[in-house]
């Protein structure tokens, strides 16, 4: 490396946030909870491939971070519901942005390759 090159720095708060919401199944769980509050089994059924143990761990992490609230409804049988807190609901714009990006760049099962954004054509450069 040349001495004059600038080494970009990583914001520690960004790093902490992306590590929290970027864990496997966490984004999918947040996506589902943005739609509605859910019971554990409903959330597990909505997130493909997640196990009970992993969902429990992810929900606990999100609860500790103040992103998800766990509510025990004292009925017979007891019902436990999970919902996003105000802090969690503020992730909606980020989740929507990722969804828009995925729609543009992640191939669907029907197509083989992502489509790049349309650009104005430029004349070919002479060599």
N, C-alpha and C. Protein backbone atom coordinates (compact mmCIF):
# COMPACT_ATOMS: atom_id res chain seq x y z
N UNK A 1 0.82 -1.18 0.00
CA UNK A 1 0.00 0.00 0.00
C UNK A 1 0.87 1.24 0.00
N UNK A 2 0.43 2.23 -0.72
CA UNK A 2 1.14 3.50 -0.72
C UNK A 2 0.77 4.27 0.54
N UNK A 3 1.70 5.03 1.07
CA UNK A 3 1.49 5.78 2.29
C UNK A 3 0.42 6.86 2.17
N UNK A 4 0.14 7.32 0.94
CA UNK A 4 -0.82 8.41 0.77
C UNK A 4 -2.27 7.92 0.63
N UNK A 5 -2.49 6.61 0.60
CA UNK A 5 -3.85 6.09 0.45
C UNK A 5 -4.63 6.25 1.74
N UNK A 6 -5.89 6.61 1.58
CA UNK A 6 -6.78 6.75 2.74
C UNK A 6 -7.41 5.39 3.04
N UNK A 7 -7.32 4.97 4.28
CA UNK A 7 -7.94 3.71 4.70
C UNK A 7 -9.29 4.06 5.29
N UNK A 8 -10.37 3.58 4.66
CA UNK A 8 -11.71 3.92 5.17
C UNK A 8 -11.91 3.32 6.56
N UNK A 9 -12.64 4.05 7.38
CA UNK A 9 -12.93 3.54 8.71
C UNK A 9 -14.37 3.06 8.78
N UNK A 10 -14.62 2.14 9.67
CA UNK A 10 -15.95 1.57 9.85
C UNK A 10 -16.54 2.17 11.11
N UNK A 11 -17.72 2.75 10.98
CA UNK A 11 -18.41 3.31 12.13
C UNK A 11 -18.80 2.18 13.08
N UNK A 12 -18.38 2.23 14.32
CA UNK A 12 -18.69 1.14 15.26
C UNK A 12 -20.19 0.95 15.47
N UNK A 13 -20.97 2.02 15.44
CA UNK A 13 -22.42 1.88 15.63
C UNK A 13 -23.05 1.17 14.44
N UNK A 14 -22.60 1.53 13.22
CA UNK A 14 -23.09 0.83 12.03
C UNK A 14 -22.72 -0.64 12.12
N UNK A 15 -21.49 -0.93 12.49
CA UNK A 15 -21.02 -2.31 12.58
C UNK A 15 -21.87 -3.10 13.56
N UNK A 16 -22.15 -2.54 14.71
CA UNK A 16 -22.97 -3.21 15.70
C UNK A 16 -24.39 -3.46 15.16
N UNK A 17 -24.96 -2.47 14.49
CA UNK A 17 -26.32 -2.60 13.95
C UNK A 17 -26.38 -3.66 12.85
N UNK A 18 -25.43 -3.63 11.94
CA UNK A 18 -25.47 -4.58 10.81
C UNK A 18 -25.20 -5.99 11.29
N UNK A 19 -24.38 -6.15 12.33
CA UNK A 19 -24.15 -7.47 12.90
C UNK A 19 -25.41 -8.00 13.58
N UNK A 20 -26.19 -7.12 14.21
CA UNK A 20 -27.43 -7.54 14.86
C UNK A 20 -28.48 -7.94 13.82
N UNK A 21 -28.78 -7.06 12.90
CA UNK A 21 -29.87 -7.36 11.96
C UNK A 21 -29.43 -8.22 10.79
N UNK A 22 -28.13 -8.38 10.61
CA UNK A 22 -27.63 -9.18 9.49
C UNK A 22 -27.44 -10.65 9.80
N UNK A 23 -27.72 -11.05 11.02
CA UNK A 23 -27.59 -12.47 11.35
C UNK A 23 -28.62 -13.29 10.60
N UNK A 24 -28.27 -14.53 10.35
CA UNK A 24 -29.17 -15.40 9.61
C UNK A 24 -30.52 -15.48 10.30
N UNK A 25 -31.58 -15.30 9.54
CA UNK A 25 -32.98 -15.36 9.93
C UNK A 25 -33.48 -14.12 10.67
N UNK A 26 -32.58 -13.25 11.11
CA UNK A 26 -33.03 -12.06 11.84
C UNK A 26 -33.78 -11.12 10.92
N UNK A 27 -33.24 -10.85 9.76
CA UNK A 27 -33.92 -9.95 8.81
C UNK A 27 -35.28 -10.49 8.40
N UNK A 28 -35.35 -11.80 8.18
CA UNK A 28 -36.62 -12.41 7.81
C UNK A 28 -37.63 -12.31 8.95
N UNK A 29 -37.17 -12.48 10.16
CA UNK A 29 -38.06 -12.37 11.32
C UNK A 29 -38.58 -10.93 11.46
N UNK A 30 -37.70 -9.97 11.28
CA UNK A 30 -38.11 -8.57 11.35
C UNK A 30 -39.10 -8.26 10.23
N UNK A 31 -38.85 -8.78 9.04
CA UNK A 31 -39.75 -8.58 7.90
C UNK A 31 -41.16 -9.06 8.24
N UNK A 32 -41.26 -10.25 8.80
CA UNK A 32 -42.56 -10.82 9.17
C UNK A 32 -43.21 -9.98 10.27
N UNK A 33 -42.43 -9.59 11.26
CA UNK A 33 -42.99 -8.82 12.36
C UNK A 33 -43.39 -7.40 11.94
N UNK A 34 -42.84 -6.91 10.85
CA UNK A 34 -43.30 -5.62 10.31
C UNK A 34 -44.72 -5.73 9.79
N UNK A 35 -45.13 -6.93 9.39
CA UNK A 35 -46.47 -7.16 8.87
C UNK A 35 -47.50 -7.29 9.99
N UNK A 36 -47.11 -7.97 11.08
CA UNK A 36 -48.06 -8.20 12.18
C UNK A 36 -47.34 -8.77 13.38
N UNK A 37 -47.95 -8.58 14.56
CA UNK A 37 -47.44 -9.27 15.75
C UNK A 37 -47.71 -10.75 15.57
N UNK A 38 -46.84 -11.59 16.09
CA UNK A 38 -46.96 -13.04 15.83
C UNK A 38 -46.70 -13.85 17.08
N UNK A 39 -47.35 -14.99 17.12
CA UNK A 39 -46.99 -16.01 18.09
C UNK A 39 -45.77 -16.75 17.56
N UNK A 40 -45.08 -17.45 18.44
CA UNK A 40 -43.84 -18.14 18.09
C UNK A 40 -44.05 -19.08 16.91
N UNK A 41 -45.07 -19.92 16.97
CA UNK A 41 -45.30 -20.92 15.92
C UNK A 41 -45.61 -20.25 14.58
N UNK A 42 -46.32 -19.15 14.60
CA UNK A 42 -46.64 -18.43 13.37
C UNK A 42 -45.37 -17.86 12.75
N UNK A 43 -44.54 -17.30 13.59
CA UNK A 43 -43.27 -16.74 13.11
C UNK A 43 -42.37 -17.84 12.57
N UNK A 44 -42.29 -18.96 13.28
CA UNK A 44 -41.47 -20.09 12.82
C UNK A 44 -41.96 -20.59 11.46
N UNK A 45 -43.27 -20.69 11.28
CA UNK A 45 -43.82 -21.16 10.01
C UNK A 45 -43.56 -20.18 8.87
N UNK A 46 -43.44 -18.90 9.19
CA UNK A 46 -43.25 -17.88 8.16
C UNK A 46 -41.80 -17.74 7.71
N UNK A 47 -40.86 -18.23 8.50
CA UNK A 47 -39.43 -18.08 8.19
C UNK A 47 -38.87 -19.43 7.76
N UNK A 48 -38.65 -19.62 6.47
CA UNK A 48 -38.20 -20.92 5.96
C UNK A 48 -36.86 -21.37 6.54
N UNK A 49 -36.82 -22.62 6.99
CA UNK A 49 -35.57 -23.22 7.43
C UNK A 49 -35.16 -22.94 8.86
N UNK A 50 -35.88 -22.11 9.57
CA UNK A 50 -35.46 -21.79 10.93
C UNK A 50 -35.92 -22.87 11.90
N UNK A 51 -35.08 -23.16 12.88
CA UNK A 51 -35.43 -24.13 13.91
C UNK A 51 -35.99 -23.39 15.13
N UNK A 52 -36.65 -24.12 16.00
CA UNK A 52 -37.16 -23.53 17.23
C UNK A 52 -36.04 -22.86 18.02
N UNK A 53 -34.93 -23.56 18.13
CA UNK A 53 -33.80 -23.05 18.91
C UNK A 53 -33.25 -21.75 18.32
N UNK A 54 -33.07 -21.71 17.00
CA UNK A 54 -32.54 -20.51 16.37
C UNK A 54 -33.52 -19.35 16.48
N UNK A 55 -34.81 -19.62 16.28
CA UNK A 55 -35.80 -18.55 16.40
C UNK A 55 -35.80 -18.00 17.82
N UNK A 56 -35.76 -18.89 18.78
CA UNK A 56 -35.73 -18.47 20.18
C UNK A 56 -34.51 -17.59 20.46
N UNK A 57 -33.35 -17.99 19.96
CA UNK A 57 -32.12 -17.20 20.15
C UNK A 57 -32.23 -15.84 19.49
N UNK A 58 -32.72 -15.81 18.25
CA UNK A 58 -32.83 -14.54 17.53
C UNK A 58 -33.81 -13.60 18.21
N UNK A 59 -34.95 -14.14 18.65
CA UNK A 59 -35.94 -13.30 19.33
C UNK A 59 -35.38 -12.77 20.65
N UNK A 60 -34.63 -13.58 21.35
CA UNK A 60 -34.02 -13.14 22.60
C UNK A 60 -33.01 -12.02 22.34
N UNK A 61 -32.18 -12.18 21.30
CA UNK A 61 -31.22 -11.13 20.94
C UNK A 61 -31.94 -9.83 20.60
N UNK A 62 -32.99 -9.94 19.80
CA UNK A 62 -33.74 -8.74 19.40
C UNK A 62 -34.46 -8.11 20.59
N UNK A 63 -34.92 -8.94 21.51
CA UNK A 63 -35.56 -8.41 22.71
C UNK A 63 -34.54 -7.68 23.58
N UNK A 64 -33.37 -8.26 23.75
CA UNK A 64 -32.30 -7.63 24.54
C UNK A 64 -31.86 -6.31 23.93
N UNK A 65 -31.92 -6.22 22.60
CA UNK A 65 -31.53 -5.00 21.89
C UNK A 65 -32.66 -3.97 21.85
N UNK A 66 -33.83 -4.34 22.35
CA UNK A 66 -34.96 -3.41 22.36
C UNK A 66 -35.68 -3.30 21.04
N UNK A 67 -35.49 -4.27 20.15
CA UNK A 67 -36.11 -4.26 18.83
C UNK A 67 -37.45 -5.01 18.85
N UNK A 68 -37.54 -6.02 19.69
CA UNK A 68 -38.75 -6.86 19.79
C UNK A 68 -39.24 -6.85 21.24
N UNK A 69 -40.55 -6.84 21.37
CA UNK A 69 -41.17 -6.97 22.70
C UNK A 69 -41.90 -8.30 22.76
N UNK A 70 -41.73 -8.98 23.87
CA UNK A 70 -42.39 -10.27 24.11
C UNK A 70 -43.51 -10.01 25.11
N UNK A 71 -44.73 -10.40 24.74
CA UNK A 71 -45.88 -10.19 25.61
C UNK A 71 -46.51 -11.52 25.94
N UNK A 72 -46.68 -11.78 27.24
CA UNK A 72 -47.35 -12.99 27.70
C UNK A 72 -48.80 -12.62 27.95
N UNK A 73 -49.70 -13.29 27.24
CA UNK A 73 -51.14 -13.05 27.40
C UNK A 73 -51.66 -14.12 28.35
N UNK A 74 -52.12 -13.71 29.55
CA UNK A 74 -52.53 -14.69 30.56
C UNK A 74 -53.91 -15.29 30.27
N UNK A 75 -53.91 -16.25 29.38
CA UNK A 75 -55.11 -17.00 29.04
C UNK A 75 -54.84 -18.46 29.32
N UNK A 76 -55.83 -19.28 29.10
CA UNK A 76 -55.61 -20.71 29.19
C UNK A 76 -55.85 -21.29 27.80
N UNK A 77 -54.84 -21.81 27.13
CA UNK A 77 -53.43 -21.83 27.53
C UNK A 77 -52.80 -20.44 27.39
N UNK A 78 -51.67 -20.26 28.06
CA UNK A 78 -50.94 -18.99 28.01
C UNK A 78 -50.49 -18.75 26.57
N UNK A 79 -50.62 -17.51 26.13
CA UNK A 79 -50.22 -17.16 24.77
C UNK A 79 -49.07 -16.15 24.85
N UNK A 80 -48.05 -16.36 24.04
CA UNK A 80 -46.92 -15.44 23.97
C UNK A 80 -46.88 -14.84 22.57
N UNK A 81 -46.83 -13.53 22.51
CA UNK A 81 -46.78 -12.83 21.22
C UNK A 81 -45.53 -11.98 21.14
N UNK A 82 -45.06 -11.83 19.92
CA UNK A 82 -43.88 -11.01 19.65
C UNK A 82 -44.28 -9.89 18.71
N UNK A 83 -43.78 -8.69 19.00
CA UNK A 83 -44.07 -7.53 18.16
C UNK A 83 -42.85 -6.63 18.16
N UNK A 84 -42.72 -5.86 17.12
CA UNK A 84 -41.62 -4.90 17.07
C UNK A 84 -41.94 -3.72 17.97
N UNK A 85 -40.92 -3.23 18.61
CA UNK A 85 -41.03 -2.01 19.40
C UNK A 85 -40.94 -0.82 18.44
N UNK A 86 -41.06 0.36 18.97
CA UNK A 86 -40.89 1.55 18.11
C UNK A 86 -39.51 1.51 17.44
N UNK A 87 -38.52 1.15 18.20
CA UNK A 87 -37.15 1.01 17.68
C UNK A 87 -37.12 0.01 16.53
N UNK A 88 -37.81 -1.11 16.68
CA UNK A 88 -37.86 -2.13 15.64
C UNK A 88 -38.64 -1.68 14.41
N UNK A 89 -39.74 -0.98 14.62
CA UNK A 89 -40.55 -0.50 13.49
C UNK A 89 -39.80 0.53 12.66
N UNK A 90 -38.84 1.20 13.28
CA UNK A 90 -38.04 2.17 12.53
C UNK A 90 -37.08 1.50 11.54
N UNK A 91 -37.00 0.19 11.57
CA UNK A 91 -36.22 -0.55 10.58
C UNK A 91 -36.99 -0.73 9.27
N UNK A 92 -38.25 -0.33 9.22
CA UNK A 92 -39.09 -0.55 8.04
C UNK A 92 -38.46 0.02 6.77
N UNK A 93 -37.95 1.22 6.83
CA UNK A 93 -37.35 1.83 5.62
C UNK A 93 -36.14 1.03 5.15
N UNK A 94 -35.33 0.56 6.08
CA UNK A 94 -34.15 -0.24 5.72
C UNK A 94 -34.58 -1.57 5.11
N UNK A 95 -35.59 -2.21 5.69
CA UNK A 95 -36.08 -3.50 5.18
C UNK A 95 -36.69 -3.30 3.79
N UNK A 96 -37.44 -2.22 3.60
CA UNK A 96 -38.01 -1.93 2.28
C UNK A 96 -36.92 -1.66 1.26
N UNK A 97 -35.86 -0.98 1.66
CA UNK A 97 -34.74 -0.71 0.74
C UNK A 97 -34.05 -2.01 0.33
N UNK A 98 -33.86 -2.91 1.27
CA UNK A 98 -33.26 -4.22 0.95
C UNK A 98 -34.19 -4.99 0.01
N UNK A 99 -35.50 -4.92 0.26
CA UNK A 99 -36.47 -5.59 -0.61
C UNK A 99 -36.42 -5.04 -2.03
N UNK A 100 -36.30 -3.73 -2.18
CA UNK A 100 -36.19 -3.11 -3.51
C UNK A 100 -34.90 -3.54 -4.20
N UNK A 101 -33.81 -3.57 -3.44
CA UNK A 101 -32.54 -4.01 -3.99
C UNK A 101 -32.63 -5.47 -4.43
N UNK A 102 -33.25 -6.31 -3.61
CA UNK A 102 -33.39 -7.73 -3.95
C UNK A 102 -34.23 -7.90 -5.20
N UNK A 103 -35.29 -7.11 -5.33
CA UNK A 103 -36.13 -7.19 -6.52
C UNK A 103 -35.37 -6.87 -7.79
N UNK A 104 -34.37 -6.03 -7.66
CA UNK A 104 -33.58 -5.64 -8.82
C UNK A 104 -32.42 -6.59 -9.08
N UNK A 105 -31.80 -7.12 -8.04
CA UNK A 105 -30.54 -7.83 -8.22
C UNK A 105 -30.54 -9.32 -7.89
N UNK A 106 -31.49 -9.80 -7.13
CA UNK A 106 -31.51 -11.22 -6.78
C UNK A 106 -32.42 -11.94 -7.76
N UNK A 107 -31.89 -12.92 -8.47
CA UNK A 107 -32.72 -13.60 -9.47
C UNK A 107 -33.87 -14.36 -8.82
N UNK A 108 -35.01 -14.29 -9.49
CA UNK A 108 -36.14 -15.09 -9.01
C UNK A 108 -35.90 -16.52 -9.48
N UNK A 109 -36.71 -17.42 -9.02
CA UNK A 109 -36.53 -18.82 -9.42
C UNK A 109 -36.78 -19.01 -10.90
N UNK A 110 -37.56 -18.12 -11.50
CA UNK A 110 -37.87 -18.24 -12.93
C UNK A 110 -36.75 -17.71 -13.82
N UNK A 111 -35.99 -16.73 -13.33
CA UNK A 111 -34.94 -16.15 -14.17
C UNK A 111 -33.57 -16.61 -13.70
N UNK A 112 -32.61 -16.50 -14.58
CA UNK A 112 -31.28 -17.02 -14.27
C UNK A 112 -30.31 -15.95 -13.78
N UNK A 113 -30.48 -14.70 -14.17
CA UNK A 113 -29.50 -13.67 -13.82
C UNK A 113 -30.19 -12.38 -13.41
N UNK A 114 -29.56 -11.62 -12.51
CA UNK A 114 -30.13 -10.33 -12.13
C UNK A 114 -30.03 -9.34 -13.28
N UNK A 115 -30.95 -8.39 -13.29
CA UNK A 115 -30.94 -7.37 -14.32
C UNK A 115 -30.29 -6.11 -13.77
N UNK A 116 -29.27 -5.59 -14.47
CA UNK A 116 -28.68 -4.33 -14.01
C UNK A 116 -29.65 -3.19 -14.30
N UNK A 117 -29.50 -2.07 -13.59
CA UNK A 117 -30.40 -0.94 -13.86
C UNK A 117 -30.20 -0.42 -15.27
N UNK A 118 -31.26 0.11 -15.86
CA UNK A 118 -31.19 0.66 -17.21
C UNK A 118 -30.31 1.90 -17.18
N UNK A 119 -29.49 2.06 -18.21
CA UNK A 119 -28.61 3.22 -18.33
C UNK A 119 -28.79 3.83 -19.71
N UNK A 120 -28.53 5.08 -19.76
CA UNK A 120 -28.53 5.73 -21.07
C UNK A 120 -27.35 5.19 -21.85
N UNK A 121 -27.55 4.90 -23.12
CA UNK A 121 -26.45 4.37 -23.92
C UNK A 121 -25.46 5.46 -24.23
N UNK A 122 -24.20 5.05 -24.28
CA UNK A 122 -23.12 5.99 -24.60
C UNK A 122 -22.46 5.53 -25.90
N UNK A 123 -21.96 6.46 -26.65
CA UNK A 123 -21.24 6.03 -27.86
C UNK A 123 -19.98 5.25 -27.47
N UNK A 124 -19.63 4.31 -28.30
CA UNK A 124 -18.44 3.50 -28.04
C UNK A 124 -17.20 4.37 -28.10
N UNK A 125 -16.25 4.09 -27.23
CA UNK A 125 -15.00 4.85 -27.21
C UNK A 125 -14.05 4.29 -28.25
N UNK A 126 -13.34 5.16 -28.91
CA UNK A 126 -12.33 4.73 -29.86
C UNK A 126 -11.05 4.43 -29.13
N UNK A 127 -10.36 3.42 -29.59
CA UNK A 127 -9.09 3.04 -28.93
C UNK A 127 -7.91 3.50 -29.70
